[in-house]
């Protein structure tokens, strides 16, 4: 099956906000590398999105909620996504240490 990737506005805002933090607290070069890496890693979902496990929060949602670790070398961010037919919808990008998302967040 051929999939298409939909990175929601919220997920795009998450990526931009985190890249801005990297720029302010590390360097612009690191921020740009992180930003590009996250989008490259999200595009990897197009190959086998079902190979990624269910998110810990999955049971609280009326649909399957999956996650992929993304980010720099350590990949300490979670890309939370759903698969609806041929669409992979990335809902949010969160640090692994952040609280679990709820249906109100999604």
N, C-alpha and C. Protein backbone atom coordinates (compact mmCIF):
# COMPACT_ATOMS: atom_id res chain seq x y z
N UNK A 1 0.84 -1.18 0.00
CA UNK A 1 0.00 0.00 0.00
C UNK A 1 0.89 1.24 0.00
N UNK A 2 0.48 2.23 -0.73
CA UNK A 2 1.20 3.50 -0.79
C UNK A 2 0.57 4.46 0.21
N UNK A 3 1.40 5.01 1.08
CA UNK A 3 0.92 5.93 2.12
C UNK A 3 1.28 7.37 1.77
N UNK A 4 0.54 8.29 2.37
CA UNK A 4 0.91 9.71 2.30
C UNK A 4 1.06 10.21 3.74
N UNK A 5 1.96 11.13 3.92
CA UNK A 5 2.27 11.66 5.25
C UNK A 5 1.60 13.02 5.43
N UNK A 6 0.88 13.16 6.54
CA UNK A 6 0.25 14.42 6.91
C UNK A 6 0.80 14.83 8.27
N UNK A 7 1.69 15.80 8.27
CA UNK A 7 2.22 16.34 9.53
C UNK A 7 1.30 17.50 9.90
N UNK A 8 0.53 17.33 10.97
CA UNK A 8 -0.46 18.33 11.35
C UNK A 8 0.21 19.65 11.73
N UNK A 9 -0.57 20.70 11.73
CA UNK A 9 -0.04 22.01 12.15
C UNK A 9 0.54 21.95 13.55
N UNK A 10 -0.13 21.23 14.43
CA UNK A 10 0.37 21.12 15.80
C UNK A 10 1.74 20.45 15.81
N UNK A 11 1.90 19.36 15.07
CA UNK A 11 3.19 18.68 15.03
C UNK A 11 4.26 19.59 14.43
N UNK A 12 3.90 20.33 13.38
CA UNK A 12 4.86 21.28 12.78
C UNK A 12 5.26 22.35 13.79
N UNK A 13 4.29 22.84 14.56
CA UNK A 13 4.60 23.82 15.60
C UNK A 13 5.52 23.23 16.66
N UNK A 14 5.27 21.97 17.04
CA UNK A 14 6.13 21.29 18.01
C UNK A 14 7.57 21.22 17.50
N UNK A 15 7.72 20.85 16.24
CA UNK A 15 9.06 20.73 15.65
C UNK A 15 9.75 22.09 15.62
N UNK A 16 9.04 23.11 15.19
CA UNK A 16 9.62 24.45 15.13
C UNK A 16 9.99 24.96 16.51
N UNK A 17 9.11 24.76 17.49
CA UNK A 17 9.39 25.20 18.86
C UNK A 17 10.62 24.50 19.42
N UNK A 18 10.72 23.19 19.20
CA UNK A 18 11.88 22.45 19.72
C UNK A 18 13.16 22.85 19.00
N UNK A 19 13.09 23.10 17.70
CA UNK A 19 14.27 23.56 16.96
C UNK A 19 14.71 24.94 17.46
N UNK A 20 13.75 25.79 17.77
CA UNK A 20 14.08 27.12 18.31
C UNK A 20 14.79 26.98 19.65
N UNK A 21 14.32 26.05 20.48
CA UNK A 21 14.98 25.80 21.76
C UNK A 21 16.42 25.37 21.53
N UNK A 22 16.63 24.46 20.57
CA UNK A 22 17.99 24.01 20.25
C UNK A 22 18.85 25.19 19.81
N UNK A 23 18.30 26.08 19.00
CA UNK A 23 19.06 27.23 18.52
C UNK A 23 19.46 28.16 19.67
N UNK A 24 18.54 28.36 20.61
CA UNK A 24 18.80 29.25 21.74
C UNK A 24 19.75 28.63 22.76
N UNK A 25 19.67 27.32 22.96
CA UNK A 25 20.42 26.66 24.02
C UNK A 25 21.65 25.90 23.55
N UNK A 26 21.78 25.71 22.26
CA UNK A 26 22.94 25.00 21.71
C UNK A 26 23.52 25.84 20.58
N UNK A 27 23.12 25.58 19.36
CA UNK A 27 23.59 26.38 18.23
C UNK A 27 22.59 26.30 17.09
N UNK A 28 22.66 27.27 16.21
CA UNK A 28 21.78 27.28 15.05
C UNK A 28 22.04 26.06 14.17
N UNK A 29 23.31 25.70 14.00
CA UNK A 29 23.65 24.53 13.18
C UNK A 29 23.03 23.26 13.76
N UNK A 30 23.12 23.08 15.08
CA UNK A 30 22.51 21.90 15.71
C UNK A 30 21.00 21.93 15.55
N UNK A 31 20.41 23.10 15.68
CA UNK A 31 18.96 23.22 15.53
C UNK A 31 18.52 22.84 14.13
N UNK A 32 19.23 23.32 13.13
CA UNK A 32 18.88 22.99 11.74
C UNK A 32 19.08 21.51 11.45
N UNK A 33 20.14 20.94 11.99
CA UNK A 33 20.38 19.50 11.82
C UNK A 33 19.26 18.70 12.47
N UNK A 34 18.87 19.09 13.69
CA UNK A 34 17.79 18.40 14.40
C UNK A 34 16.49 18.50 13.61
N UNK A 35 16.17 19.69 13.15
CA UNK A 35 14.94 19.95 12.39
C UNK A 35 14.89 19.06 11.14
N UNK A 36 15.96 19.07 10.37
CA UNK A 36 16.01 18.25 9.15
C UNK A 36 15.93 16.76 9.48
N UNK A 37 16.61 16.35 10.55
CA UNK A 37 16.59 14.94 10.95
C UNK A 37 15.18 14.47 11.30
N UNK A 38 14.45 15.30 12.02
CA UNK A 38 13.09 14.92 12.41
C UNK A 38 12.22 14.71 11.17
N UNK A 39 12.28 15.62 10.23
CA UNK A 39 11.47 15.45 9.01
C UNK A 39 11.93 14.23 8.20
N UNK A 40 13.24 13.99 8.14
CA UNK A 40 13.74 12.79 7.45
C UNK A 40 13.20 11.53 8.13
N UNK A 41 13.22 11.52 9.47
CA UNK A 41 12.75 10.36 10.21
C UNK A 41 11.24 10.18 10.07
N UNK A 42 10.49 11.26 10.00
CA UNK A 42 9.05 11.15 9.78
C UNK A 42 8.77 10.57 8.40
N UNK A 43 9.54 10.96 7.41
CA UNK A 43 9.35 10.41 6.06
C UNK A 43 9.62 8.91 6.01
N UNK A 44 10.43 8.39 6.95
CA UNK A 44 10.68 6.95 7.02
C UNK A 44 9.39 6.18 7.34
N UNK A 45 8.42 6.85 7.94
CA UNK A 45 7.14 6.20 8.25
C UNK A 45 6.44 5.70 7.00
N UNK A 46 6.71 6.31 5.87
CA UNK A 46 6.03 5.94 4.62
C UNK A 46 6.31 4.50 4.22
N UNK A 47 7.43 3.93 4.65
CA UNK A 47 7.78 2.56 4.26
C UNK A 47 6.92 1.52 4.99
N UNK A 48 6.96 1.52 6.32
CA UNK A 48 6.23 0.52 7.11
C UNK A 48 5.68 1.15 8.38
N UNK A 49 4.65 1.96 8.30
CA UNK A 49 4.16 2.64 9.50
C UNK A 49 3.65 1.68 10.58
N UNK A 50 3.11 0.53 10.16
CA UNK A 50 2.57 -0.43 11.14
C UNK A 50 3.67 -1.11 11.94
N UNK A 51 4.92 -0.97 11.53
CA UNK A 51 6.02 -1.61 12.26
C UNK A 51 6.35 -0.90 13.56
N UNK A 52 5.78 0.28 13.76
CA UNK A 52 6.03 1.03 14.99
C UNK A 52 4.95 0.68 16.00
N UNK A 53 5.38 0.55 17.25
CA UNK A 53 4.49 0.09 18.29
C UNK A 53 3.40 1.08 18.67
N UNK A 54 2.44 0.55 19.39
CA UNK A 54 1.37 1.40 19.92
C UNK A 54 1.95 2.30 21.01
N UNK A 55 1.46 3.51 21.07
CA UNK A 55 1.88 4.45 22.11
C UNK A 55 1.31 3.99 23.45
N UNK A 56 1.98 4.36 24.52
CA UNK A 56 1.52 3.99 25.86
C UNK A 56 0.09 4.49 26.12
N UNK A 57 -0.27 5.60 25.49
CA UNK A 57 -1.59 6.20 25.68
C UNK A 57 -2.68 5.56 24.83
N UNK A 58 -2.35 4.59 24.02
CA UNK A 58 -3.28 4.04 23.04
C UNK A 58 -4.64 3.66 23.62
N UNK A 59 -4.67 3.05 24.79
CA UNK A 59 -5.93 2.57 25.36
C UNK A 59 -6.91 3.70 25.69
N UNK A 60 -6.42 4.92 25.81
CA UNK A 60 -7.28 6.06 26.13
C UNK A 60 -7.93 6.67 24.90
N UNK A 61 -7.60 6.15 23.72
CA UNK A 61 -8.08 6.74 22.47
C UNK A 61 -9.01 5.78 21.73
N UNK A 62 -9.95 6.32 20.95
CA UNK A 62 -10.87 5.47 20.19
C UNK A 62 -10.27 4.97 18.87
N UNK A 63 -9.02 5.26 18.63
CA UNK A 63 -8.32 4.82 17.42
C UNK A 63 -6.90 4.44 17.81
N UNK A 64 -6.21 3.70 16.93
CA UNK A 64 -4.84 3.31 17.23
C UNK A 64 -3.93 4.52 17.24
N UNK A 65 -3.13 4.59 18.28
CA UNK A 65 -2.17 5.67 18.45
C UNK A 65 -0.79 5.02 18.49
N UNK A 66 0.06 5.36 17.55
CA UNK A 66 1.39 4.77 17.46
C UNK A 66 2.45 5.83 17.72
N UNK A 67 3.69 5.35 17.93
CA UNK A 67 4.78 6.29 18.16
C UNK A 67 6.05 5.84 17.47
N UNK A 68 6.86 6.81 17.12
CA UNK A 68 8.19 6.58 16.55
C UNK A 68 9.12 7.54 17.28
N UNK A 69 10.26 7.02 17.73
CA UNK A 69 11.25 7.89 18.36
C UNK A 69 11.99 8.65 17.27
N UNK A 70 12.12 9.96 17.47
CA UNK A 70 12.77 10.83 16.50
C UNK A 70 13.68 11.80 17.22
N UNK A 71 14.47 12.52 16.47
CA UNK A 71 15.34 13.55 17.03
C UNK A 71 16.76 13.37 16.56
N UNK A 72 17.68 13.79 17.39
CA UNK A 72 19.09 13.69 17.06
C UNK A 72 19.62 12.29 17.26
N UNK A 73 20.87 12.19 17.65
CA UNK A 73 21.51 10.88 17.83
C UNK A 73 20.79 10.02 18.86
N UNK A 74 20.28 10.64 19.92
CA UNK A 74 19.63 9.88 20.99
C UNK A 74 18.14 9.66 20.76
N UNK A 75 17.54 10.37 19.83
CA UNK A 75 16.11 10.24 19.52
C UNK A 75 15.24 10.24 20.78
N UNK A 76 15.23 11.36 21.46
CA UNK A 76 14.51 11.48 22.73
C UNK A 76 13.14 12.15 22.58
N UNK A 77 12.65 12.21 21.37
CA UNK A 77 11.32 12.76 21.11
C UNK A 77 10.42 11.67 20.55
N UNK A 78 9.13 11.77 20.85
CA UNK A 78 8.16 10.81 20.35
C UNK A 78 7.29 11.47 19.29
N UNK A 79 7.25 10.89 18.13
CA UNK A 79 6.29 11.31 17.10
C UNK A 79 5.06 10.45 17.31
N UNK A 80 3.96 11.05 17.71
CA UNK A 80 2.72 10.34 17.95
C UNK A 80 1.88 10.44 16.68
N UNK A 81 1.46 9.29 16.15
CA UNK A 81 0.75 9.30 14.88
C UNK A 81 -0.34 8.24 14.82
N UNK A 82 -1.23 8.41 13.86
CA UNK A 82 -2.28 7.44 13.56
C UNK A 82 -2.17 7.06 12.09
N UNK A 83 -2.78 5.94 11.77
CA UNK A 83 -2.87 5.51 10.38
C UNK A 83 -4.35 5.39 10.06
N UNK A 84 -4.81 6.18 9.11
CA UNK A 84 -6.21 6.14 8.69
C UNK A 84 -6.24 5.88 7.19
N UNK A 85 -6.52 4.64 6.83
CA UNK A 85 -6.48 4.27 5.41
C UNK A 85 -5.07 4.41 4.89
N UNK A 86 -4.89 5.25 3.88
CA UNK A 86 -3.57 5.46 3.28
C UNK A 86 -2.85 6.67 3.87
N UNK A 87 -3.45 7.30 4.89
CA UNK A 87 -2.85 8.50 5.47
C UNK A 87 -2.19 8.20 6.81
N UNK A 88 -0.95 8.65 6.94
CA UNK A 88 -0.25 8.64 8.22
C UNK A 88 -0.35 10.06 8.74
N UNK A 89 -1.03 10.24 9.85
CA UNK A 89 -1.23 11.58 10.42
C UNK A 89 -0.39 11.72 11.68
N UNK A 90 0.62 12.59 11.61
CA UNK A 90 1.47 12.87 12.78
C UNK A 90 0.75 13.94 13.60
N UNK A 91 0.38 13.57 14.82
CA UNK A 91 -0.42 14.46 15.67
C UNK A 91 0.42 15.43 16.47
N UNK A 92 1.54 14.94 17.02
CA UNK A 92 2.37 15.78 17.89
C UNK A 92 3.77 15.19 17.98
N UNK A 93 4.72 16.03 18.35
CA UNK A 93 6.10 15.61 18.63
C UNK A 93 6.37 16.06 20.06
N UNK A 94 6.71 15.10 20.92
CA UNK A 94 6.89 15.41 22.34
C UNK A 94 8.18 14.80 22.85
N UNK A 95 8.79 15.47 23.82
CA UNK A 95 9.93 14.86 24.49
C UNK A 95 9.43 13.60 25.18
N UNK A 96 10.26 12.59 25.20
CA UNK A 96 9.86 11.32 25.82
C UNK A 96 9.50 11.51 27.29
N UNK A 97 10.10 12.49 27.95
CA UNK A 97 9.86 12.72 29.37
C UNK A 97 8.58 13.52 29.64
N UNK A 98 7.94 14.05 28.60
CA UNK A 98 6.71 14.81 28.82
C UNK A 98 5.58 13.89 29.24
N UNK A 99 4.59 14.48 29.89
CA UNK A 99 3.43 13.70 30.33
C UNK A 99 2.75 13.06 29.13
N UNK A 100 1.99 12.03 29.41
CA UNK A 100 1.25 11.34 28.36
C UNK A 100 0.20 12.27 27.77
N UNK A 101 -0.09 12.09 26.48
CA UNK A 101 -1.15 12.90 25.88
C UNK A 101 -2.51 12.29 26.21
N UNK A 102 -3.51 13.11 26.14
CA UNK A 102 -4.88 12.67 26.39
C UNK A 102 -5.70 12.94 25.13
N UNK A 103 -6.90 12.37 25.03
CA UNK A 103 -7.74 12.68 23.87
C UNK A 103 -8.01 14.19 23.73
N UNK A 104 -8.02 14.93 24.83
CA UNK A 104 -8.21 16.38 24.75
C UNK A 104 -7.03 17.07 24.08
N UNK A 105 -5.84 16.47 24.18
CA UNK A 105 -4.64 17.04 23.57
C UNK A 105 -4.59 16.80 22.07
N UNK A 106 -5.19 15.72 21.61
CA UNK A 106 -5.02 15.28 20.22
C UNK A 106 -5.89 16.01 19.24
